[in-house]
PDB file of N, CA and C in Angstrom:
ATOM      1  N   MET A   1      -8.366   5.523   5.776  1.00  0.00           N
ATOM      2  CA  MET A   1      -9.109   4.298   5.972  1.00  0.00           C
ATOM      3  C   MET A   1      -9.097   3.445   4.693  1.00  0.00           C
ATOM      4  N   LEU A   2      -9.230   4.104   3.543  1.00  0.00           N
ATOM      5  CA  LEU A   2      -9.236   3.379   2.284  1.00  0.00           C
ATOM      6  C   LEU A   2      -7.885   2.703   2.025  1.00  0.00           C
ATOM      7  N   THR A   3      -6.805   3.389   2.369  1.00  0.00           N
ATOM      8  CA  THR A   3      -5.493   2.778   2.145  1.00  0.00           C
ATOM      9  C   THR A   3      -5.274   1.584   3.068  1.00  0.00           C
ATOM     10  N   LYS A   4      -5.841   1.616   4.268  1.00  0.00           N
ATOM     11  CA  LYS A   4      -5.725   0.448   5.150  1.00  0.00           C
ATOM     12  C   LYS A   4      -6.445  -0.744   4.553  1.00  0.00           C
ATOM     13  N   ILE A   5      -7.618  -0.510   3.979  1.00  0.00           N
ATOM     14  CA  ILE A   5      -8.354  -1.605   3.345  1.00  0.00           C
ATOM     15  C   ILE A   5      -7.569  -2.152   2.158  1.00  0.00           C
ATOM     16  N   ILE A   6      -6.976  -1.274   1.388  1.00  0.00           N
ATOM     17  CA  ILE A   6      -6.183  -1.709   0.235  1.00  0.00           C
ATOM     18  C   ILE A   6      -4.966  -2.502   0.688  1.00  0.00           C
ATOM     19  N   LYS A   7      -4.315  -2.046   1.750  1.00  0.00           N
ATOM     20  CA  LYS A   7      -3.136  -2.763   2.253  1.00  0.00           C
ATOM     21  C   LYS A   7      -3.518  -4.141   2.780  1.00  0.00           C
ATOM     22  N   TRP A   8      -4.616  -4.227   3.523  1.00  0.00           N
ATOM     23  CA  TRP A   8      -5.052  -5.528   4.039  1.00  0.00           C
ATOM     24  C   TRP A   8      -5.481  -6.462   2.912  1.00  0.00           C
ATOM     25  N   SER A   9      -6.100  -5.909   1.869  1.00  0.00           N
ATOM     26  CA  SER A   9      -6.480  -6.761   0.737  1.00  0.00           C
ATOM     27  C   SER A   9      -5.237  -7.266  -0.001  1.00  0.00           C
ATOM     28  N   ALA A  10      -4.195  -6.449  -0.075  1.00  0.00           N
ATOM     29  CA  ALA A  10      -2.949  -6.905  -0.705  1.00  0.00           C
ATOM     30  C   ALA A  10      -2.284  -7.997   0.129  1.00  0.00           C
ATOM     31  N   ILE A  11      -2.326  -7.859   1.440  1.00  0.00           N
ATOM     32  CA  ILE A  11      -1.778  -8.906   2.308  1.00  0.00           C
ATOM     33  C   ILE A  11      -2.547 -10.204   2.110  1.00  0.00           C
ATOM     34  N   ALA A  12      -3.883 -10.103   2.061  1.00  0.00           N
ATOM     35  CA  ALA A  12      -4.705 -11.300   1.849  1.00  0.00           C
ATOM     36  C   ALA A  12      -4.450 -11.904   0.472  1.00  0.00           C
ATOM     37  N   ALA A  13      -4.266 -11.059  -0.541  1.00  0.00           N
ATOM     38  CA  ALA A  13      -3.989 -11.561  -1.889  1.00  0.00           C
ATOM     39  C   ALA A  13      -2.640 -12.272  -1.952  1.00  0.00           C
ATOM     40  N   LEU A  14      -1.641 -11.732  -1.284  1.00  0.00           N
ATOM     41  CA  LEU A  14      -0.321 -12.380  -1.285  1.00  0.00           C
ATOM     42  C   LEU A  14      -0.354 -13.711  -0.554  1.00  0.00           C
ATOM     43  N   ILE A  15      -1.057 -13.754   0.559  1.00  0.00           N
ATOM     44  CA  ILE A  15      -1.159 -15.018   1.304  1.00  0.00           C
ATOM     45  C   ILE A  15      -2.013 -16.019   0.521  1.00  0.00           C
ATOM     46  N   GLY A  16      -3.107 -15.528  -0.079  1.00  0.00           N
ATOM     47  CA  GLY A  16      -3.946 -16.411  -0.892  1.00  0.00           C
ATOM     48  C   GLY A  16      -3.230 -16.916  -2.121  1.00  0.00           C
ATOM     49  N   GLY A  17      -2.389 -16.086  -2.701  1.00  0.00           N
ATOM     50  CA  GLY A  17      -1.612 -16.509  -3.864  1.00  0.00           C
ATOM     51  C   GLY A  17      -0.605 -17.595  -3.534  1.00  0.00           C
ATOM     52  N   ALA A  18      -0.134 -17.600  -2.307  1.00  0.00           N
ATOM     53  CA  ALA A  18       0.811 -18.638  -1.899  1.00  0.00           C
ATOM     54  C   ALA A  18       0.126 -20.004  -1.802  1.00  0.00           C
ATOM     55  N   PHE A  19      -1.174 -19.997  -1.476  1.00  0.00           N
ATOM     56  CA  PHE A  19      -1.892 -21.262  -1.336  1.00  0.00           C
ATOM     57  C   PHE A  19      -2.596 -21.707  -2.613  1.00  0.00           C
ATOM     58  N   SER A  20      -2.700 -20.840  -3.607  1.00  0.00           N
ATOM     59  CA  SER A  20      -3.435 -21.196  -4.829  1.00  0.00           C
ATOM     60  C   SER A  20      -2.503 -21.265  -6.029  1.00  0.00           C
ATOM     61  N   ARG A  21      -1.455 -22.002  -5.943  1.00  0.00           N
ATOM     62  CA  ARG A  21      -0.524 -22.155  -7.064  1.00  0.00           C
ATOM     63  C   ARG A  21      -1.141 -22.990  -8.193  1.00  0.00           C
ATOM     64  N   SER A  22      -2.144 -23.809  -7.882  1.00  0.00           N
ATOM     65  CA  SER A  22      -2.707 -24.680  -8.898  1.00  0.00           C
ATOM     66  C   SER A  22      -3.716 -23.971  -9.804  1.00  0.00           C
ATOM     67  N   LEU A  23      -4.182 -22.784  -9.406  1.00  0.00           N
ATOM     68  CA  LEU A  23      -5.140 -22.030 -10.212  1.00  0.00           C
ATOM     69  C   LEU A  23      -4.468 -20.797 -10.806  1.00  0.00           C
ATOM     70  N   PRO A  24      -3.980 -20.867 -12.048  1.00  0.00           N
ATOM     71  CA  PRO A  24      -3.248 -19.731 -12.621  1.00  0.00           C
ATOM     72  C   PRO A  24      -4.138 -18.512 -12.891  1.00  0.00           C
ATOM     73  N   GLU A  25      -5.459 -18.717 -13.148  1.00  0.00           N
ATOM     74  CA  GLU A  25      -6.346 -17.582 -13.386  1.00  0.00           C
ATOM     75  C   GLU A  25      -6.488 -16.735 -12.126  1.00  0.00           C
ATOM     76  N   LEU A  26      -6.626 -17.407 -11.000  1.00  0.00           N
ATOM     77  CA  LEU A  26      -6.743 -16.701  -9.727  1.00  0.00           C
ATOM     78  C   LEU A  26      -5.438 -15.997  -9.386  1.00  0.00           C
ATOM     79  N   GLY A  27      -4.331 -16.598  -9.721  1.00  0.00           N
ATOM     80  CA  GLY A  27      -3.031 -15.975  -9.472  1.00  0.00           C
ATOM     81  C   GLY A  27      -2.852 -14.691 -10.251  1.00  0.00           C
ATOM     82  N   LEU A  28      -3.385 -14.639 -11.468  1.00  0.00           N
ATOM     83  CA  LEU A  28      -3.288 -13.428 -12.278  1.00  0.00           C
ATOM     84  C   LEU A  28      -4.118 -12.304 -11.669  1.00  0.00           C
ATOM     85  N   VAL A  29      -5.304 -12.617 -11.192  1.00  0.00           N
ATOM     86  CA  VAL A  29      -6.159 -11.606 -10.545  1.00  0.00           C
ATOM     87  C   VAL A  29      -5.499 -11.104  -9.269  1.00  0.00           C
ATOM     88  N   LEU A  30      -4.913 -12.007  -8.513  1.00  0.00           N
ATOM     89  CA  LEU A  30      -4.245 -11.611  -7.274  1.00  0.00           C
ATOM     90  C   LEU A  30      -3.028 -10.745  -7.562  1.00  0.00           C
ATOM     91  N   GLN A  31      -2.324 -11.012  -8.671  1.00  0.00           N
ATOM     92  CA  GLN A  31      -1.198 -10.162  -9.049  1.00  0.00           C
ATOM     93  C   GLN A  31      -1.662  -8.755  -9.401  1.00  0.00           C
ATOM     94  N   PHE A  32      -2.810  -8.650 -10.065  1.00  0.00           N
ATOM     95  CA  PHE A  32      -3.364  -7.324 -10.356  1.00  0.00           C
ATOM     96  C   PHE A  32      -3.702  -6.582  -9.070  1.00  0.00           C
ATOM     97  N   VAL A  33      -4.277  -7.289  -8.103  1.00  0.00           N
ATOM     98  CA  VAL A  33      -4.632  -6.662  -6.819  1.00  0.00           C
ATOM     99  C   VAL A  33      -3.382  -6.165  -6.112  1.00  0.00           C
ATOM    100  N   VAL A  34      -2.356  -6.987  -6.066  1.00  0.00           N
ATOM    101  CA  VAL A  34      -1.120  -6.616  -5.363  1.00  0.00           C
ATOM    102  C   VAL A  34      -0.403  -5.483  -6.075  1.00  0.00           C
ATOM    103  N   ALA A  35      -0.348  -5.535  -7.396  1.00  0.00           N
ATOM    104  CA  ALA A  35       0.323  -4.465  -8.143  1.00  0.00           C
ATOM    105  C   ALA A  35      -0.415  -3.140  -7.992  1.00  0.00           C
ATOM    106  N   ALA A  36      -1.738  -3.179  -8.036  1.00  0.00           N
ATOM    107  CA  ALA A  36      -2.517  -1.943  -7.849  1.00  0.00           C
ATOM    108  C   ALA A  36      -2.345  -1.394  -6.437  1.00  0.00           C
ATOM    109  N   ALA A  37      -2.344  -2.280  -5.455  1.00  0.00           N
ATOM    110  CA  ALA A  37      -2.142  -1.835  -4.074  1.00  0.00           C
ATOM    111  C   ALA A  37      -0.743  -1.261  -3.887  1.00  0.00           C
ATOM    112  N   ALA A  38       0.252  -1.844  -4.537  1.00  0.00           N
ATOM    113  CA  ALA A  38       1.615  -1.317  -4.437  1.00  0.00           C
ATOM    114  C   ALA A  38       1.707   0.076  -5.041  1.00  0.00           C
ATOM    115  N   VAL A  39       0.984   0.309  -6.136  1.00  0.00           N
ATOM    116  CA  VAL A  39       0.991   1.636  -6.749  1.00  0.00           C
ATOM    117  C   VAL A  39       0.283   2.645  -5.839  1.00  0.00           C
ATOM    118  N   VAL A  40      -0.809   2.228  -5.192  1.00  0.00           N
ATOM    119  CA  VAL A  40      -1.514   3.127  -4.265  1.00  0.00           C
ATOM    120  C   VAL A  40      -0.613   3.502  -3.092  1.00  0.00           C
ATOM    121  N   VAL A  41       0.068   2.532  -2.515  1.00  0.00           N
ATOM    122  CA  VAL A  41       0.955   2.818  -1.385  1.00  0.00           C
ATOM    123  C   VAL A  41       2.171   3.617  -1.850  1.00  0.00           C
ATOM    124  N   LEU A  42       2.609   3.380  -3.084  1.00  0.00           N
ATOM    125  CA  LEU A  42       3.704   4.167  -3.644  1.00  0.00           C
ATOM    126  C   LEU A  42       3.318   5.640  -3.731  1.00  0.00           C
ATOM    127  N   THR A  43       2.106   5.927  -4.182  1.00  0.00           N
ATOM    128  CA  THR A  43       1.670   7.323  -4.242  1.00  0.00           C
ATOM    129  C   THR A  43       1.470   7.911  -2.858  1.00  0.00           C
ATOM    130  N   GLN A  44       1.043   7.090  -1.896  1.00  0.00           N
ATOM    131  CA  GLN A  44       0.925   7.573  -0.520  1.00  0.00           C
ATOM    132  C   GLN A  44       2.303   7.924   0.029  1.00  0.00           C
ATOM    133  N   ALA A  45       3.282   7.089  -0.226  1.00  0.00           N
ATOM    134  CA  ALA A  45       4.643   7.369   0.237  1.00  0.00           C
ATOM    135  C   ALA A  45       5.218   8.592  -0.466  1.00  0.00           C
ATOM    136  N   ALA A  46       4.861   8.792  -1.733  1.00  0.00           N
ATOM    137  CA  ALA A  46       5.335   9.972  -2.453  1.00  0.00           C
ATOM    138  C   ALA A  46       4.743  11.244  -1.865  1.00  0.00           C
ATOM    139  N   ALA A  47       3.479  11.190  -1.479  1.00  0.00           N
ATOM    140  CA  ALA A  47       2.849  12.359  -0.868  1.00  0.00           C
ATOM    141  C   ALA A  47       3.463  12.682   0.486  1.00  0.00           C
ATOM    142  N   MET A  48       3.943  11.657   1.173  1.00  0.00           N
ATOM    143  CA  MET A  48       4.562  11.862   2.482  1.00  0.00           C
ATOM    144  C   MET A  48       6.068  12.094   2.374  1.00  0.00           C
ATOM    145  N   ARG A  49       6.600  12.039   1.160  1.00  0.00           N
ATOM    146  CA  ARG A  49       8.036  12.210   0.883  1.00  0.00           C
ATOM    147  C   ARG A  49       8.896  11.173   1.603  1.00  0.00           C
ATOM    148  N   ARG A  50       8.446   9.922   1.554  1.00  0.00           N
ATOM    149  CA  ARG A  50       9.199   8.801   2.102  1.00  0.00           C
ATOM    150  C   ARG A  50       9.792   8.037   0.923  1.00  0.00           C
ATOM    151  N   TYR A  51      11.001   8.426   0.553  1.00  0.00           N
ATOM    152  CA  TYR A  51      11.600   7.940  -0.683  1.00  0.00           C
ATOM    153  C   TYR A  51      12.046   6.479  -0.605  1.00  0.00           C
ATOM    154  N   VAL A  52      12.441   6.010   0.549  1.00  0.00           N
ATOM    155  CA  VAL A  52      12.837   4.604   0.686  1.00  0.00           C
ATOM    156  C   VAL A  52      11.615   3.706   0.490  1.00  0.00           C
ATOM    157  N   TRP A  53      10.495   4.109   1.082  1.00  0.00           N
ATOM    158  CA  TRP A  53       9.260   3.343   0.909  1.00  0.00           C
ATOM    159  C   TRP A  53       8.813   3.367  -0.550  1.00  0.00           C
ATOM    160  N   MET A  54       8.995   4.510  -1.205  1.00  0.00           N
ATOM    161  CA  MET A  54       8.648   4.601  -2.625  1.00  0.00           C
ATOM    162  C   MET A  54       9.458   3.599  -3.441  1.00  0.00           C
ATOM    163  N   ALA A  55      10.743   3.527  -3.181  1.00  0.00           N
ATOM    164  CA  ALA A  55      11.608   2.610  -3.928  1.00  0.00           C
ATOM    165  C   ALA A  55      11.229   1.153  -3.655  1.00  0.00           C
ATOM    166  N   LEU A  56      10.932   0.826  -2.399  1.00  0.00           N
ATOM    167  CA  LEU A  56      10.565  -0.550  -2.063  1.00  0.00           C
ATOM    168  C   LEU A  56       9.269  -0.973  -2.751  1.00  0.00           C
ATOM    169  N   PHE A  57       8.277  -0.104  -2.749  1.00  0.00           N
ATOM    170  CA  PHE A  57       7.012  -0.463  -3.385  1.00  0.00           C
ATOM    171  C   PHE A  57       7.105  -0.410  -4.911  1.00  0.00           C
ATOM    172  N   LEU A  58       8.005   0.381  -5.450  1.00  0.00           N
ATOM    173  CA  LEU A  58       8.240   0.362  -6.894  1.00  0.00           C
ATOM    174  C   LEU A  58       8.860  -0.976  -7.305  1.00  0.00           C
ATOM    175  N   VAL A  59       9.805  -1.459  -6.526  1.00  0.00           N
ATOM    176  CA  VAL A  59      10.413  -2.762  -6.803  1.00  0.00           C
ATOM    177  C   VAL A  59       9.369  -3.866  -6.688  1.00  0.00           C
ATOM    178  N   LEU A  60       8.517  -3.790  -5.666  1.00  0.00           N
ATOM    179  CA  LEU A  60       7.479  -4.807  -5.490  1.00  0.00           C
ATOM    180  C   LEU A  60       6.478  -4.774  -6.634  1.00  0.00           C
ATOM    181  N   ALA A  61       6.086  -3.572  -7.068  1.00  0.00           N
ATOM    182  CA  ALA A  61       5.149  -3.469  -8.188  1.00  0.00           C
ATOM    183  C   ALA A  61       5.772  -4.005  -9.477  1.00  0.00           C
ATOM    184  N   CYS A  62       7.058  -3.805  -9.666  1.00  0.00           N
ATOM    185  CA  CYS A  62       7.723  -4.324 -10.873  1.00  0.00           C
ATOM    186  C   CYS A  62       7.877  -5.838 -10.821  1.00  0.00           C
ATOM    187  N   LEU A  63       8.167  -6.387  -9.647  1.00  0.00           N
ATOM    188  CA  LEU A  63       8.344  -7.835  -9.533  1.00  0.00           C
ATOM    189  C   LEU A  63       7.031  -8.587  -9.683  1.00  0.00           C
ATOM    190  N   LEU A  64       5.955  -8.024  -9.172  1.00  0.00           N
ATOM    191  CA  LEU A  64       4.661  -8.699  -9.227  1.00  0.00           C
ATOM    192  C   LEU A  64       3.762  -8.116 -10.313  1.00  0.00           C
ATOM    193  N   ASN A  65       4.365  -7.578 -11.346  1.00  0.00           N
ATOM    194  CA  ASN A  65       3.639  -6.986 -12.448  1.00  0.00           C
ATOM    195  C   ASN A  65       2.939  -8.074 -13.261  1.00  0.00           C
ATOM    196  N   PRO A  66       1.606  -8.014 -13.404  1.00  0.00           N
ATOM    197  CA  PRO A  66       0.918  -9.058 -14.171  1.00  0.00           C
ATOM    198  C   PRO A  66       0.966  -8.830 -15.681  1.00  0.00           C
ATOM    199  N   VAL A  67       1.293  -7.630 -16.129  1.00  0.00           N
ATOM    200  CA  VAL A  67       1.327  -7.344 -17.566  1.00  0.00           C
ATOM    201  C   VAL A  67       2.576  -7.952 -18.199  1.00  0.00           C
ATOM    202  N   ILE A  68       3.724  -7.704 -17.599  1.00  0.00           N
ATOM    203  CA  ILE A  68       4.988  -8.302 -18.045  1.00  0.00           C
ATOM    204  C   ILE A  68       5.527  -9.115 -16.873  1.00  0.00           C
ATOM    205  N   PRO A  69       5.069 -10.364 -16.731  1.00  0.00           N
ATOM    206  CA  PRO A  69       5.451 -11.141 -15.547  1.00  0.00           C
ATOM    207  C   PRO A  69       6.926 -11.531 -15.551  1.00  0.00           C
ATOM    208  N   VAL A  70       7.490 -11.535 -14.366  1.00  0.00           N
ATOM    209  CA  VAL A  70       8.866 -11.977 -14.168  1.00  0.00           C
ATOM    210  C   VAL A  70       8.811 -13.421 -13.687  1.00  0.00           C
ATOM    211  N   PRO A  71       9.409 -14.358 -14.434  1.00  0.00           N
ATOM    212  CA  PRO A  71       9.339 -15.761 -14.012  1.00  0.00           C
ATOM    213  C   PRO A  71      10.243 -16.022 -12.805  1.00  0.00           C
ATOM    214  N   PHE A  72       9.675 -16.688 -11.821  1.00  0.00           N
ATOM    215  CA  PHE A  72      10.398 -17.050 -10.604  1.00  0.00           C
ATOM    216  C   PHE A  72      10.274 -18.545 -10.379  1.00  0.00           C
ATOM    217  N   SER A  73      11.239 -19.086  -9.661  1.00  0.00           N
ATOM    218  CA  SER A  73      11.080 -20.449  -9.167  1.00  0.00           C
ATOM    219  C   SER A  73      10.130 -20.396  -7.971  1.00  0.00           C
ATOM    220  N   ASN A  74       9.710 -21.547  -7.501  1.00  0.00           N
ATOM    221  CA  ASN A  74       8.777 -21.579  -6.375  1.00  0.00           C
ATOM    222  C   ASN A  74       9.390 -20.974  -5.120  1.00  0.00           C
ATOM    223  N   TYR A  75      10.658 -21.223  -4.911  1.00  0.00           N
ATOM    224  CA  TYR A  75      11.322 -20.703  -3.717  1.00  0.00           C
ATOM    225  C   TYR A  75      11.420 -19.170  -3.767  1.00  0.00           C
ATOM    226  N   VAL A  76      11.857 -18.643  -4.902  1.00  0.00           N
ATOM    227  CA  VAL A  76      11.998 -17.187  -5.039  1.00  0.00           C
ATOM    228  C   VAL A  76      10.631 -16.516  -5.009  1.00  0.00           C
ATOM    229  N   SER A  77       9.631 -17.154  -5.592  1.00  0.00           N
ATOM    230  CA  SER A  77       8.277 -16.609  -5.568  1.00  0.00           C
ATOM    231  C   SER A  77       7.754 -16.520  -4.133  1.00  0.00           C
ATOM    232  N   GLY A  78       8.052 -17.515  -3.339  1.00  0.00           N
ATOM    233  CA  GLY A  78       7.666 -17.474  -1.929  1.00  0.00           C
ATOM    234  C   GLY A  78       8.385 -16.372  -1.170  1.00  0.00           C
ATOM    235  N   MET A  79       9.648 -16.162  -1.497  1.00  0.00           N
ATOM    236  CA  MET A  79      10.409 -15.097  -0.838  1.00  0.00           C
ATOM    237  C   MET A  79       9.879 -13.716  -1.224  1.00  0.00           C
ATOM    238  N   VAL A  80       9.524 -13.530  -2.507  1.00  0.00           N
ATOM    239  CA  VAL A  80       8.966 -12.250  -2.958  1.00  0.00           C
ATOM    240  C   VAL A  80       7.614 -12.008  -2.304  1.00  0.00           C
ATOM    241  N   SER A  81       6.810 -13.056  -2.177  1.00  0.00           N
ATOM    242  CA  SER A  81       5.513 -12.917  -1.521  1.00  0.00           C
ATOM    243  C   SER A  81       5.682 -12.564  -0.045  1.00  0.00           C
ATOM    244  N   ALA A  82       6.622 -13.213   0.626  1.00  0.00           N
ATOM    245  CA  ALA A  82       6.871 -12.898   2.036  1.00  0.00           C
ATOM    246  C   ALA A  82       7.388 -11.467   2.189  1.00  0.00           C
ATOM    247  N   PHE A  83       8.250 -11.040   1.269  1.00  0.00           N
ATOM    248  CA  PHE A  83       8.743  -9.662   1.264  1.00  0.00           C
ATOM    249  C   PHE A  83       7.585  -8.681   1.094  1.00  0.00           C
ATOM    250  N   GLY A  84       6.664  -8.995   0.192  1.00  0.00           N
ATOM    251  CA  GLY A  84       5.511  -8.135  -0.037  1.00  0.00           C
ATOM    252  C   GLY A  84       4.588  -8.070   1.166  1.00  0.00           C
ATOM    253  N   VAL A  85       4.348  -9.211   1.797  1.00  0.00           N
ATOM    254  CA  VAL A  85       3.493  -9.233   2.993  1.00  0.00           C
ATOM    255  C   VAL A  85       4.110  -8.383   4.094  1.00  0.00           C
ATOM    256  N   LEU A  86       5.406  -8.527   4.294  1.00  0.00           N
ATOM    257  CA  LEU A  86       6.077  -7.729   5.335  1.00  0.00           C
ATOM    258  C   LEU A  86       6.051  -6.243   5.004  1.00  0.00           C
ATOM    259  N   LEU A  87       6.246  -5.893   3.740  1.00  0.00           N
ATOM    260  CA  LEU A  87       6.196  -4.484   3.349  1.00  0.00           C
ATOM    261  C   LEU A  87       4.821  -3.875   3.613  1.00  0.00           C
ATOM    262  N   PHE A  88       3.782  -4.568   3.166  1.00  0.00           N
ATOM    263  CA  PHE A  88       2.443  -4.039   3.375  1.00  0.00           C
ATOM    264  C   PHE A  88       2.090  -4.002   4.861  1.00  0.00           C
ATOM    265  N   PHE A  89       2.520  -5.015   5.613  1.00  0.00           N
ATOM    266  CA  PHE A  89       2.206  -5.055   7.040  1.00  0.00           C
ATOM    267  C   PHE A  89       2.885  -3.911   7.791  1.00  0.00           C
ATOM    268  N   PHE A  90       4.164  -3.679   7.511  1.00  0.00           N
ATOM    269  CA  PHE A  90       4.862  -2.589   8.194  1.00  0.00           C
ATOM    270  C   PHE A  90       4.389  -1.223   7.713  1.00  0.00           C
ATOM    271  N   SER A  91       3.928  -1.148   6.476  1.00  0.00           N
ATOM    272  CA  SER A  91       3.426   0.138   5.985  1.00  0.00           C
ATOM    273  C   SER A  91       2.115   0.523   6.647  1.00  0.00           C
ATOM    274  N   LEU A  92       1.388  -0.453   7.177  1.00  0.00           N
ATOM    275  CA  LEU A  92       0.154  -0.132   7.902  1.00  0.00           C
ATOM    276  C   LEU A  92       0.432   0.797   9.079  1.00  0.00           C
ATOM    277  N   GLU A  93       1.530   0.564   9.753  1.00  0.00           N
ATOM    278  CA  GLU A  93       1.856   1.371  10.931  1.00  0.00           C
ATOM    279  C   GLU A  93       2.796   2.528  10.621  1.00  0.00           C
ATOM    280  N   LEU A  94       3.745   2.312   9.729  1.00  0.00           N
ATOM    281  CA  LEU A  94       4.793   3.306   9.518  1.00  0.00           C
ATOM    282  C   LEU A  94       4.445   4.362   8.469  1.00  0.00           C
ATOM    283  N   LEU A  95       3.442   4.111   7.642  1.00  0.00           N
ATOM    284  CA  LEU A  95       3.042   5.093   6.642  1.00  0.00           C
ATOM    285  C   LEU A  95       1.648   5.630   6.954  1.00  0.00           C
ATOM    286  N   GLN A  96       1.527   6.244   8.091  1.00  0.00           N
ATOM    287  CA  GLN A  96       0.252   6.858   8.457  1.00  0.00           C
ATOM    288  C   GLN A  96       0.373   8.363   8.274  1.00  0.00           C
ATOM    289  N   PRO A  97      -0.543   8.942   7.509  1.00  0.00           N
ATOM    290  CA  PRO A  97      -0.468  10.396   7.325  1.00  0.00           C
ATOM    291  C   PRO A  97      -0.804  11.125   8.612  1.00  0.00           C
ATOM    292  N   LYS A  98      -0.213  12.287   8.772  1.00  0.00           N
ATOM    293  CA  LYS A  98      -0.503  13.093   9.948  1.00  0.00           C
ATOM    294  C   LYS A  98      -1.911  13.645   9.817  1.00  0.00           C
ATOM    295  N   PRO A  99      -2.645  13.700  10.916  1.00  0.00           N
ATOM    296  CA  PRO A  99      -4.007  14.230  10.818  1.00  0.00           C
ATOM    297  C   PRO A  99      -3.987  15.717  10.479  1.00  0.00           C
ATOM    298  N   ARG A 100      -4.936  16.110   9.668  1.00  0.00           N
ATOM    299  CA  ARG A 100      -5.027  17.505   9.281  1.00  0.00           C
ATOM    300  C   ARG A 100      -5.692  18.308  10.396  1.00  0.00           C
ATOM    301  N   LEU A 101      -5.190  19.489  10.594  1.00  0.00           N
ATOM    302  CA  LEU A 101      -5.792  20.361  11.587  1.00  0.00           C
ATOM    303  C   LEU A 101      -7.035  21.006  10.996  1.00  0.00           C
ATOM    304  N   SER A 102      -8.014  21.172  11.853  1.00  0.00           N
ATOM    305  CA  SER A 102      -9.236  21.781  11.352  1.00  0.00           C
ATOM    306  C   SER A 102      -9.050  23.292  11.248  1.00  0.00           C
ATOM    307  N   ILE A 103      -9.763  23.875  10.329  1.00  0.00           N
ATOM    308  CA  ILE A 103      -9.690  25.316  10.134  1.00  0.00           C
ATOM    309  C   ILE A 103     -10.742  25.957  11.018  1.00  0.00           C
ATOM    310  N   SER A 104     -10.326  26.924  11.789  1.00  0.00           N
ATOM    311  CA  SER A 104     -11.286  27.578  12.669  1.00  0.00           C
ATOM    312  C   SER A 104     -12.220  28.447  11.839  1.00  0.00           C
ATOM    313  N   SER A 105     -13.423  28.521  12.278  1.00  0.00           N
ATOM    314  CA  SER A 105     -14.436  29.261  11.551  1.00  0.00           C
ATOM    315  C   SER A 105     -14.283  30.759  11.798  1.00  0.00           C
ATOM    316  N   ILE A 106     -14.622  31.548  10.788  1.00  0.00           N
ATOM    317  CA  ILE A 106     -14.542  33.001  10.970  1.00  0.00           C
ATOM    318  C   ILE A 106     -15.749  33.530  11.718  1.00  0.00           C
ATOM    319  N   THR A 107     -16.761  32.686  11.874  1.00  0.00           N
ATOM    320  CA  THR A 107     -17.949  33.141  12.596  1.00  0.00           C
ATOM    321  C   THR A 107     -17.860  32.879  14.086  1.00  0.00           C
ATOM    322  N   ASP A 108     -16.899  32.050  14.510  1.00  0.00           N
ATOM    323  CA  ASP A 108     -16.741  31.795  15.938  1.00  0.00           C
ATOM    324  C   ASP A 108     -16.185  33.036  16.627  1.00  0.00           C
ATOM    325  N   ARG A 109     -16.760  33.342  17.757  1.00  0.00           N
ATOM    326  CA  ARG A 109     -16.263  34.471  18.531  1.00  0.00           C
ATOM    327  C   ARG A 109     -15.129  33.973  19.403  1.00  0.00           C
ATOM    328  N   MET A 110     -13.998  34.607  19.289  1.00  0.00           N
ATOM    329  CA  MET A 110     -12.854  34.204  20.093  1.00  0.00           C
ATOM    330  C   MET A 110     -13.010  34.806  21.475  1.00  0.00           C
ATOM    331  N   PRO A 111     -12.805  34.010  22.495  1.00  0.00           N
ATOM    332  CA  PRO A 111     -12.919  34.565  23.855  1.00  0.00           C
ATOM    333  C   PRO A 111     -11.853  35.610  24.098  1.00  0.00           C
ATOM    334  N   GLY A 112     -12.269  36.697  24.610  1.00  0.00           N
ATOM    335  CA  GLY A 112     -11.328  37.758  24.934  1.00  0.00           C
ATOM    336  C   GLY A 112     -11.083  38.707  23.801  1.00  0.00           C
ATOM    337  N   SER A 113     -11.726  38.510  22.671  1.00  0.00           N
ATOM    338  CA  SER A 113     -11.500  39.419  21.550  1.00  0.00           C
ATOM    339  C   SER A 113     -12.386  40.646  21.721  1.00  0.00           C
ATOM    340  N   GLU A 114     -11.903  41.726  21.258  1.00  0.00           N
ATOM    341  CA  GLU A 114     -12.660  42.977  21.361  1.00  0.00           C
ATOM    342  C   GLU A 114     -13.158  43.392  19.997  1.00  0.00           C
ATOM    343  N   SER A 115     -14.316  43.996  19.970  1.00  0.00           N
ATOM    344  CA  SER A 115     -14.824  44.486  18.711  1.00  0.00           C
ATOM    345  C   SER A 115     -14.169  45.796  18.348  1.00  0.00           C
ATOM    346  N   LEU A 116     -14.140  46.102  17.089  1.00  0.00           N
ATOM    347  CA  LEU A 116     -13.517  47.345  16.652  1.00  0.00           C
ATOM    348  C   LEU A 116     -14.511  48.404  16.807  1.00  0.00           C
TER     349      LEU A 116
END
């Protein structure tokens, strides 16, 4: 559930960043949000052993890195943002962890079991 919230916040940050080009302070905060979300999804993909997803989110985290920014033209910046939105959107459905099975209790009596 937490990763879904992080992914949706990254989608909102990327879309909001596309509309707020005139406020550079807000753009820096949004880049931090997107880069942090990319690292979270990267670790989720690593835990699931999805190496292609790991590489895609590593590239996205490097391109939208706020510490060492990569200068883009407006057109390329829009393309990177659209790429990021699509990555996060598809990861919502395609990077879902399998549900964990519950551990049966040792105090439950199994039907049909015999006592020693």
